[in-house]
Amino acid sequence: MNSVLDRIALILVIIGAVNWGLIGIFQFDLVAWMFGGQGAVISRIVYSLVALAGLWSISLLFRNTDEIEVRD
């Protein structure tokens, strides 16, 4: 289960990083452009999900990477 959440969080963090890169380099907010502005409900949901994914990703820093994962 954590593996799925980790992957979703990673995807959302990448989306956030790309969006911040576009804002920093081109002053273009892709999320706002796609969903109708920064104040649009869908944009705010995406921003919130990216923030939650970033917080979840903090846990990746403190995990034991020596564990062997067994897959069926």
PDB file of N, CA and C in Angstrom:
ATOM      1  N   MET A   1       0.824  -1.206   0.000  1.00  0.00           N
ATOM      2  CA  MET A   1       0.000   0.000   0.000  1.00  0.00           C
ATOM      3  C   MET A   1       0.855   1.251   0.000  1.00  0.00           C
ATOM      4  N   ASN A   2       1.908   1.262   0.803  1.00  0.00           N
ATOM      5  CA  ASN A   2       2.770   2.436   0.825  1.00  0.00           C
ATOM      6  C   ASN A   2       3.414   2.681  -0.517  1.00  0.00           C
ATOM      7  N   SER A   3       3.717   1.622  -1.235  1.00  0.00           N
ATOM      8  CA  SER A   3       4.349   1.768  -2.523  1.00  0.00           C
ATOM      9  C   SER A   3       3.458   2.557  -3.489  1.00  0.00           C
ATOM     10  N   VAL A   4       2.161   2.274  -3.475  1.00  0.00           N
ATOM     11  CA  VAL A   4       1.222   2.997  -4.336  1.00  0.00           C
ATOM     12  C   VAL A   4       1.156   4.458  -3.916  1.00  0.00           C
ATOM     13  N   LEU A   5       1.046   4.708  -2.620  1.00  0.00           N
ATOM     14  CA  LEU A   5       1.010   6.086  -2.130  1.00  0.00           C
ATOM     15  C   LEU A   5       2.317   6.816  -2.440  1.00  0.00           C
ATOM     16  N   ASP A   6       3.427   6.109  -2.326  1.00  0.00           N
ATOM     17  CA  ASP A   6       4.721   6.713  -2.644  1.00  0.00           C
ATOM     18  C   ASP A   6       4.779   7.134  -4.104  1.00  0.00           C
ATOM     19  N   ARG A   7       4.294   6.285  -4.982  1.00  0.00           N
ATOM     20  CA  ARG A   7       4.324   6.599  -6.417  1.00  0.00           C
ATOM     21  C   ARG A   7       3.401   7.763  -6.755  1.00  0.00           C
ATOM     22  N   ILE A   8       2.218   7.763  -6.170  1.00  0.00           N
ATOM     23  CA  ILE A   8       1.287   8.879  -6.396  1.00  0.00           C
ATOM     24  C   ILE A   8       1.898  10.175  -5.883  1.00  0.00           C
ATOM     25  N   ALA A   9       2.489  10.117  -4.691  1.00  0.00           N
ATOM     26  CA  ALA A   9       3.127  11.304  -4.127  1.00  0.00           C
ATOM     27  C   ALA A   9       4.262  11.782  -5.019  1.00  0.00           C
ATOM     28  N   LEU A  10       5.055  10.853  -5.529  1.00  0.00           N
ATOM     29  CA  LEU A  10       6.165  11.224  -6.408  1.00  0.00           C
ATOM     30  C   LEU A  10       5.662  11.907  -7.679  1.00  0.00           C
ATOM     31  N   ILE A  11       4.610  11.377  -8.263  1.00  0.00           N
ATOM     32  CA  ILE A  11       4.038  11.987  -9.469  1.00  0.00           C
ATOM     33  C   ILE A  11       3.559  13.404  -9.171  1.00  0.00           C
ATOM     34  N   LEU A  12       2.866  13.581  -8.058  1.00  0.00           N
ATOM     35  CA  LEU A  12       2.362  14.910  -7.701  1.00  0.00           C
ATOM     36  C   LEU A  12       3.496  15.880  -7.380  1.00  0.00           C
ATOM     37  N   VAL A  13       4.543  15.399  -6.731  1.00  0.00           N
ATOM     38  CA  VAL A  13       5.691  16.261  -6.432  1.00  0.00           C
ATOM     39  C   VAL A  13       6.376  16.682  -7.739  1.00  0.00           C
ATOM     40  N   ILE A  14       6.468  15.775  -8.700  1.00  0.00           N
ATOM     41  CA  ILE A  14       7.057  16.114  -9.994  1.00  0.00           C
ATOM     42  C   ILE A  14       6.201  17.159 -10.704  1.00  0.00           C
ATOM     43  N   ILE A  15       4.881  16.995 -10.675  1.00  0.00           N
ATOM     44  CA  ILE A  15       3.987  17.991 -11.273  1.00  0.00           C
ATOM     45  C   ILE A  15       4.212  19.349 -10.627  1.00  0.00           C
ATOM     46  N   GLY A  16       4.305  19.363  -9.300  1.00  0.00           N
ATOM     47  CA  GLY A  16       4.549  20.622  -8.594  1.00  0.00           C
ATOM     48  C   GLY A  16       5.890  21.229  -8.951  1.00  0.00           C
ATOM     49  N   ALA A  17       6.919  20.398  -9.068  1.00  0.00           N
ATOM     50  CA  ALA A  17       8.249  20.903  -9.411  1.00  0.00           C
ATOM     51  C   ALA A  17       8.275  21.493 -10.815  1.00  0.00           C
ATOM     52  N   VAL A  18       7.635  20.805 -11.751  1.00  0.00           N
ATOM     53  CA  VAL A  18       7.574  21.329 -13.125  1.00  0.00           C
ATOM     54  C   VAL A  18       6.806  22.643 -13.147  1.00  0.00           C
ATOM     55  N   ASN A  19       5.697  22.694 -12.419  1.00  0.00           N
ATOM     56  CA  ASN A  19       4.914  23.932 -12.377  1.00  0.00           C
ATOM     57  C   ASN A  19       5.724  25.085 -11.780  1.00  0.00           C
ATOM     58  N   TRP A  20       6.434  24.815 -10.665  1.00  0.00           N
ATOM     59  CA  TRP A  20       7.261  25.862 -10.064  1.00  0.00           C
ATOM     60  C   TRP A  20       8.399  26.276 -11.004  1.00  0.00           C
ATOM     61  N   GLY A  21       8.947  25.333 -11.736  1.00  0.00           N
ATOM     62  CA  GLY A  21       9.982  25.664 -12.708  1.00  0.00           C
ATOM     63  C   GLY A  21       9.450  26.587 -13.790  1.00  0.00           C
ATOM     64  N   LEU A  22       8.254  26.286 -14.278  1.00  0.00           N
ATOM     65  CA  LEU A  22       7.637  27.150 -15.297  1.00  0.00           C
ATOM     66  C   LEU A  22       7.337  28.540 -14.743  1.00  0.00           C
ATOM     67  N   ILE A  23       6.904  28.593 -13.503  1.00  0.00           N
ATOM     68  CA  ILE A  23       6.638  29.895 -12.880  1.00  0.00           C
ATOM     69  C   ILE A  23       7.937  30.684 -12.739  1.00  0.00           C
ATOM     70  N   GLY A  24       8.982  30.022 -12.267  1.00  0.00           N
ATOM     71  CA  GLY A  24      10.255  30.705 -12.047  1.00  0.00           C
ATOM     72  C   GLY A  24      10.928  31.158 -13.326  1.00  0.00           C
ATOM     73  N   ILE A  25      10.876  30.346 -14.367  1.00  0.00           N
ATOM     74  CA  ILE A  25      11.584  30.673 -15.608  1.00  0.00           C
ATOM     75  C   ILE A  25      10.747  31.532 -16.545  1.00  0.00           C
ATOM     76  N   PHE A  26       9.461  31.183 -16.703  1.00  0.00           N
ATOM     77  CA  PHE A  26       8.626  31.842 -17.707  1.00  0.00           C
ATOM     78  C   PHE A  26       7.472  32.648 -17.129  1.00  0.00           C
ATOM     79  N   GLN A  27       7.327  32.674 -15.817  1.00  0.00           N
ATOM     80  CA  GLN A  27       6.192  33.313 -15.153  1.00  0.00           C
ATOM     81  C   GLN A  27       4.872  32.775 -15.700  1.00  0.00           C
ATOM     82  N   PHE A  28       4.827  31.448 -15.871  1.00  0.00           N
ATOM     83  CA  PHE A  28       3.654  30.776 -16.420  1.00  0.00           C
ATOM     84  C   PHE A  28       3.226  29.674 -15.462  1.00  0.00           C
ATOM     85  N   ASP A  29       2.013  29.797 -14.942  1.00  0.00           N
ATOM     86  CA  ASP A  29       1.460  28.808 -14.015  1.00  0.00           C
ATOM     87  C   ASP A  29       0.611  27.825 -14.822  1.00  0.00           C
ATOM     88  N   LEU A  30       1.173  26.655 -15.095  1.00  0.00           N
ATOM     89  CA  LEU A  30       0.510  25.648 -15.916  1.00  0.00           C
ATOM     90  C   LEU A  30      -0.782  25.148 -15.285  1.00  0.00           C
ATOM     91  N   VAL A  31      -0.764  24.915 -13.978  1.00  0.00           N
ATOM     92  CA  VAL A  31      -1.965  24.420 -13.295  1.00  0.00           C
ATOM     93  C   VAL A  31      -3.090  25.439 -13.404  1.00  0.00           C
ATOM     94  N   ALA A  32      -2.789  26.699 -13.150  1.00  0.00           N
ATOM     95  CA  ALA A  32      -3.806  27.747 -13.247  1.00  0.00           C
ATOM     96  C   ALA A  32      -4.314  27.867 -14.677  1.00  0.00           C
ATOM     97  N   TRP A  33      -3.414  27.767 -15.633  1.00  0.00           N
ATOM     98  CA  TRP A  33      -3.803  27.865 -17.040  1.00  0.00           C
ATOM     99  C   TRP A  33      -4.728  26.718 -17.442  1.00  0.00           C
ATOM    100  N   MET A  34      -4.408  25.515 -16.971  1.00  0.00           N
ATOM    101  CA  MET A  34      -5.195  24.338 -17.347  1.00  0.00           C
ATOM    102  C   MET A  34      -6.578  24.318 -16.705  1.00  0.00           C
ATOM    103  N   PHE A  35      -6.688  24.861 -15.486  1.00  0.00           N
ATOM    104  CA  PHE A  35      -7.925  24.693 -14.736  1.00  0.00           C
ATOM    105  C   PHE A  35      -8.661  25.996 -14.440  1.00  0.00           C
ATOM    106  N   GLY A  36      -8.344  27.079 -15.131  1.00  0.00           N
ATOM    107  CA  GLY A  36      -9.155  28.288 -15.021  1.00  0.00           C
ATOM    108  C   GLY A  36      -8.711  29.298 -13.991  1.00  0.00           C
ATOM    109  N   GLY A  37      -7.438  29.391 -13.697  1.00  0.00           N
ATOM    110  CA  GLY A  37      -6.932  30.397 -12.774  1.00  0.00           C
ATOM    111  C   GLY A  37      -6.573  29.821 -11.422  1.00  0.00           C
ATOM    112  N   GLN A  38      -5.796  30.601 -10.675  1.00  0.00           N
ATOM    113  CA  GLN A  38      -5.328  30.136  -9.377  1.00  0.00           C
ATOM    114  C   GLN A  38      -6.450  29.964  -8.372  1.00  0.00           C
ATOM    115  N   GLY A  39      -7.508  30.740  -8.520  1.00  0.00           N
ATOM    116  CA  GLY A  39      -8.612  30.670  -7.564  1.00  0.00           C
ATOM    117  C   GLY A  39      -9.652  29.617  -7.897  1.00  0.00           C
ATOM    118  N   ALA A  40      -9.535  28.975  -9.054  1.00  0.00           N
ATOM    119  CA  ALA A  40     -10.516  27.969  -9.448  1.00  0.00           C
ATOM    120  C   ALA A  40     -10.445  26.781  -8.488  1.00  0.00           C
ATOM    121  N   VAL A  41     -11.582  26.175  -8.247  1.00  0.00           N
ATOM    122  CA  VAL A  41     -11.667  25.078  -7.285  1.00  0.00           C
ATOM    123  C   VAL A  41     -10.731  23.939  -7.677  1.00  0.00           C
ATOM    124  N   ILE A  42     -10.717  23.559  -8.943  1.00  0.00           N
ATOM    125  CA  ILE A  42      -9.869  22.437  -9.368  1.00  0.00           C
ATOM    126  C   ILE A  42      -8.390  22.785  -9.185  1.00  0.00           C
ATOM    127  N   SER A  43      -7.998  24.014  -9.502  1.00  0.00           N
ATOM    128  CA  SER A  43      -6.605  24.433  -9.294  1.00  0.00           C
ATOM    129  C   SER A  43      -6.228  24.340  -7.829  1.00  0.00           C
ATOM    130  N   ARG A  44      -7.106  24.795  -6.969  1.00  0.00           N
ATOM    131  CA  ARG A  44      -6.825  24.748  -5.532  1.00  0.00           C
ATOM    132  C   ARG A  44      -6.725  23.320  -5.030  1.00  0.00           C
ATOM    133  N   ILE A  45      -7.517  22.417  -5.613  1.00  0.00           N
ATOM    134  CA  ILE A  45      -7.422  21.000  -5.251  1.00  0.00           C
ATOM    135  C   ILE A  45      -6.075  20.440  -5.678  1.00  0.00           C
ATOM    136  N   VAL A  46      -5.642  20.765  -6.904  1.00  0.00           N
ATOM    137  CA  VAL A  46      -4.349  20.283  -7.384  1.00  0.00           C
ATOM    138  C   VAL A  46      -3.227  20.827  -6.509  1.00  0.00           C
ATOM    139  N   TYR A  47      -3.266  22.128  -6.198  1.00  0.00           N
ATOM    140  CA  TYR A  47      -2.242  22.716  -5.329  1.00  0.00           C
ATOM    141  C   TYR A  47      -2.221  22.015  -3.965  1.00  0.00           C
ATOM    142  N   SER A  48      -3.392  21.725  -3.424  1.00  0.00           N
ATOM    143  CA  SER A  48      -3.476  21.063  -2.117  1.00  0.00           C
ATOM    144  C   SER A  48      -2.937  19.644  -2.177  1.00  0.00           C
ATOM    145  N   LEU A  49      -3.257  18.921  -3.254  1.00  0.00           N
ATOM    146  CA  LEU A  49      -2.743  17.560  -3.409  1.00  0.00           C
ATOM    147  C   LEU A  49      -1.228  17.546  -3.546  1.00  0.00           C
ATOM    148  N   VAL A  50      -0.689  18.523  -4.280  1.00  0.00           N
ATOM    149  CA  VAL A  50       0.769  18.624  -4.424  1.00  0.00           C
ATOM    150  C   VAL A  50       1.407  18.903  -3.059  1.00  0.00           C
ATOM    151  N   ALA A  51       0.791  19.777  -2.275  1.00  0.00           N
ATOM    152  CA  ALA A  51       1.323  20.080  -0.941  1.00  0.00           C
ATOM    153  C   ALA A  51       1.285  18.845  -0.043  1.00  0.00           C
ATOM    154  N   LEU A  52       0.191  18.113  -0.070  1.00  0.00           N
ATOM    155  CA  LEU A  52       0.095  16.886   0.732  1.00  0.00           C
ATOM    156  C   LEU A  52       1.120  15.850   0.274  1.00  0.00           C
ATOM    157  N   ALA A  53       1.327  15.761  -1.038  1.00  0.00           N
ATOM    158  CA  ALA A  53       2.330  14.829  -1.569  1.00  0.00           C
ATOM    159  C   ALA A  53       3.726  15.219  -1.104  1.00  0.00           C
ATOM    160  N   GLY A  54       3.996  16.514  -1.049  1.00  0.00           N
ATOM    161  CA  GLY A  54       5.290  16.975  -0.548  1.00  0.00           C
ATOM    162  C   GLY A  54       5.491  16.606   0.905  1.00  0.00           C
ATOM    163  N   LEU A  55       4.440  16.762   1.698  1.00  0.00           N
ATOM    164  CA  LEU A  55       4.528  16.378   3.109  1.00  0.00           C
ATOM    165  C   LEU A  55       4.719  14.873   3.249  1.00  0.00           C
ATOM    166  N   TRP A  56       4.006  14.089   2.454  1.00  0.00           N
ATOM    167  CA  TRP A  56       4.159  12.631   2.490  1.00  0.00           C
ATOM    168  C   TRP A  56       5.584  12.246   2.109  1.00  0.00           C
ATOM    169  N   SER A  57       6.161  12.956   1.150  1.00  0.00           N
ATOM    170  CA  SER A  57       7.500  12.631   0.661  1.00  0.00           C
ATOM    171  C   SER A  57       8.575  12.861   1.716  1.00  0.00           C
ATOM    172  N   ILE A  58       8.290  13.667   2.710  1.00  0.00           N
ATOM    173  CA  ILE A  58       9.242  13.849   3.805  1.00  0.00           C
ATOM    174  C   ILE A  58       9.516  12.509   4.481  1.00  0.00           C
ATOM    175  N   SER A  59       8.484  11.673   4.559  1.00  0.00           N
ATOM    176  CA  SER A  59       8.659  10.365   5.199  1.00  0.00           C
ATOM    177  C   SER A  59       9.657   9.491   4.441  1.00  0.00           C
ATOM    178  N   LEU A  60       9.824   9.719   3.165  1.00  0.00           N
ATOM    179  CA  LEU A  60      10.780   8.935   2.373  1.00  0.00           C
ATOM    180  C   LEU A  60      12.214   9.158   2.844  1.00  0.00           C
ATOM    181  N   LEU A  61      12.479  10.314   3.398  1.00  0.00           N
ATOM    182  CA  LEU A  61      13.825  10.627   3.884  1.00  0.00           C
ATOM    183  C   LEU A  61      14.217   9.770   5.086  1.00  0.00           C
ATOM    184  N   PHE A  62      13.226   9.329   5.842  1.00  0.00           N
ATOM    185  CA  PHE A  62      13.502   8.655   7.098  1.00  0.00           C
ATOM    186  C   PHE A  62      13.215   7.156   7.061  1.00  0.00           C
ATOM    187  N   ARG A  63      12.942   6.623   5.899  1.00  0.00           N
ATOM    188  CA  ARG A  63      12.659   5.196   5.790  1.00  0.00           C
ATOM    189  C   ARG A  63      13.938   4.390   5.691  1.00  0.00           C
ATOM    190  N   ASN A  64      13.865   3.169   6.197  1.00  0.00           N
ATOM    191  CA  ASN A  64      14.992   2.252   6.109  1.00  0.00           C
ATOM    192  C   ASN A  64      15.021   1.665   4.698  1.00  0.00           C
ATOM    193  N   THR A  65      16.050   1.975   3.946  1.00  0.00           N
ATOM    194  CA  THR A  65      16.141   1.503   2.567  1.00  0.00           C
ATOM    195  C   THR A  65      16.774   0.129   2.461  1.00  0.00           C
ATOM    196  N   ASP A  66      17.181  -0.448   3.596  1.00  0.00           N
ATOM    197  CA  ASP A  66      17.804  -1.773   3.590  1.00  0.00           C
ATOM    198  C   ASP A  66      16.772  -2.903   3.561  1.00  0.00           C
ATOM    199  N   GLU A  67      15.507  -2.567   3.748  1.00  0.00           N
ATOM    200  CA  GLU A  67      14.470  -3.590   3.758  1.00  0.00           C
ATOM    201  C   GLU A  67      14.313  -4.176   2.360  1.00  0.00           C
ATOM    202  N   ILE A  68      14.111  -5.477   2.314  1.00  0.00           N
ATOM    203  CA  ILE A  68      13.896  -6.164   1.045  1.00  0.00           C
ATOM    204  C   ILE A  68      12.396  -6.306   0.842  1.00  0.00           C
ATOM    205  N   GLU A  69      11.929  -5.844  -0.304  1.00  0.00           N
ATOM    206  CA  GLU A  69      10.508  -5.897  -0.592  1.00  0.00           C
ATOM    207  C   GLU A  69      10.199  -7.199  -1.333  1.00  0.00           C
ATOM    208  N   VAL A  70       9.234  -7.947  -0.825  1.00  0.00           N
ATOM    209  CA  VAL A  70       8.851  -9.213  -1.441  1.00  0.00           C
ATOM    210  C   VAL A  70       7.568  -8.987  -2.235  1.00  0.00           C
ATOM    211  N   ARG A  71       7.618  -9.349  -3.516  1.00  0.00           N
ATOM    212  CA  ARG A  71       6.441  -9.198  -4.361  1.00  0.00           C
ATOM    213  C   ARG A  71       5.964 -10.574  -4.791  1.00  0.00           C
ATOM    214  N   ASP A  72       4.644 -10.744  -4.807  1.00  0.00           N
ATOM    215  CA  ASP A  72       4.055 -12.030  -5.222  1.00  0.00           C
ATOM    216  C   ASP A  72       3.890 -12.089  -6.710  1.00  0.00           C
TER     217      ASP A  72
END
